[in-house]
Amino acid sequence: MKIREGDEPIFLHLPSTYGRLERKRYEKKWVILFFYHRDFAAGCDMDIGVFIENINKLKEAGVELIGISPDSLEEHFKFSVQKGIKFELVSDQKGEMAQLYGALKTKNPMNFKRKAFLISPEFQVLKEYNGKKTVLYPLEILYDVDFLQEILKNKEETLDVKIYRV
């Protein structure tokens, strides 16, 4: 079973820089759950860097980030301190969560595919982002979140108008 768009996300209770990954920490919030190869890897440095550069915009939009790689918790702490990361990094050393989300590489399972998932406050996977161009993910995700929030806001306003007219 692989988690896809429309599914309810599964959060395994894995070790993280926040203690353990816990679903309740992210309930009623927009979440970007993203998988990356390794801490300190050149390409991942760039991917994480784009998230770091856009963290304030993401936070303003009400989006929380969760990064997942096969690195140890010790490596995650070193990486967080060196890069100034202000979001949760999860250690998936056995690749269990990566397998659930289709992020395991077939040739080298301890290197994850670059993937990201946009999760709604209602805890549903709204969009899956695949491929090697994760540098664009934060901007694309910001656009998607703004768009979805505007739709939901308009939907609520329309519902309010109908209620007042009745």
Foldseek 3Di string as FASTA:
>chain_A
DAAAAFAFADADQFQKPVGTDDPVVQALFKEKEKEFFDQPDPLVCLLVLLCVVCVVVCVVLRYAYEYEAQDDRVSVVVSCVVNVDDHMYGHPVVCPSLVRHVQADPVHRRTTFTKMFIAHSNRGTHHIDHDSPSSCVVVVVSVVSVVVVVVVVVVVVVVVVVVVVD
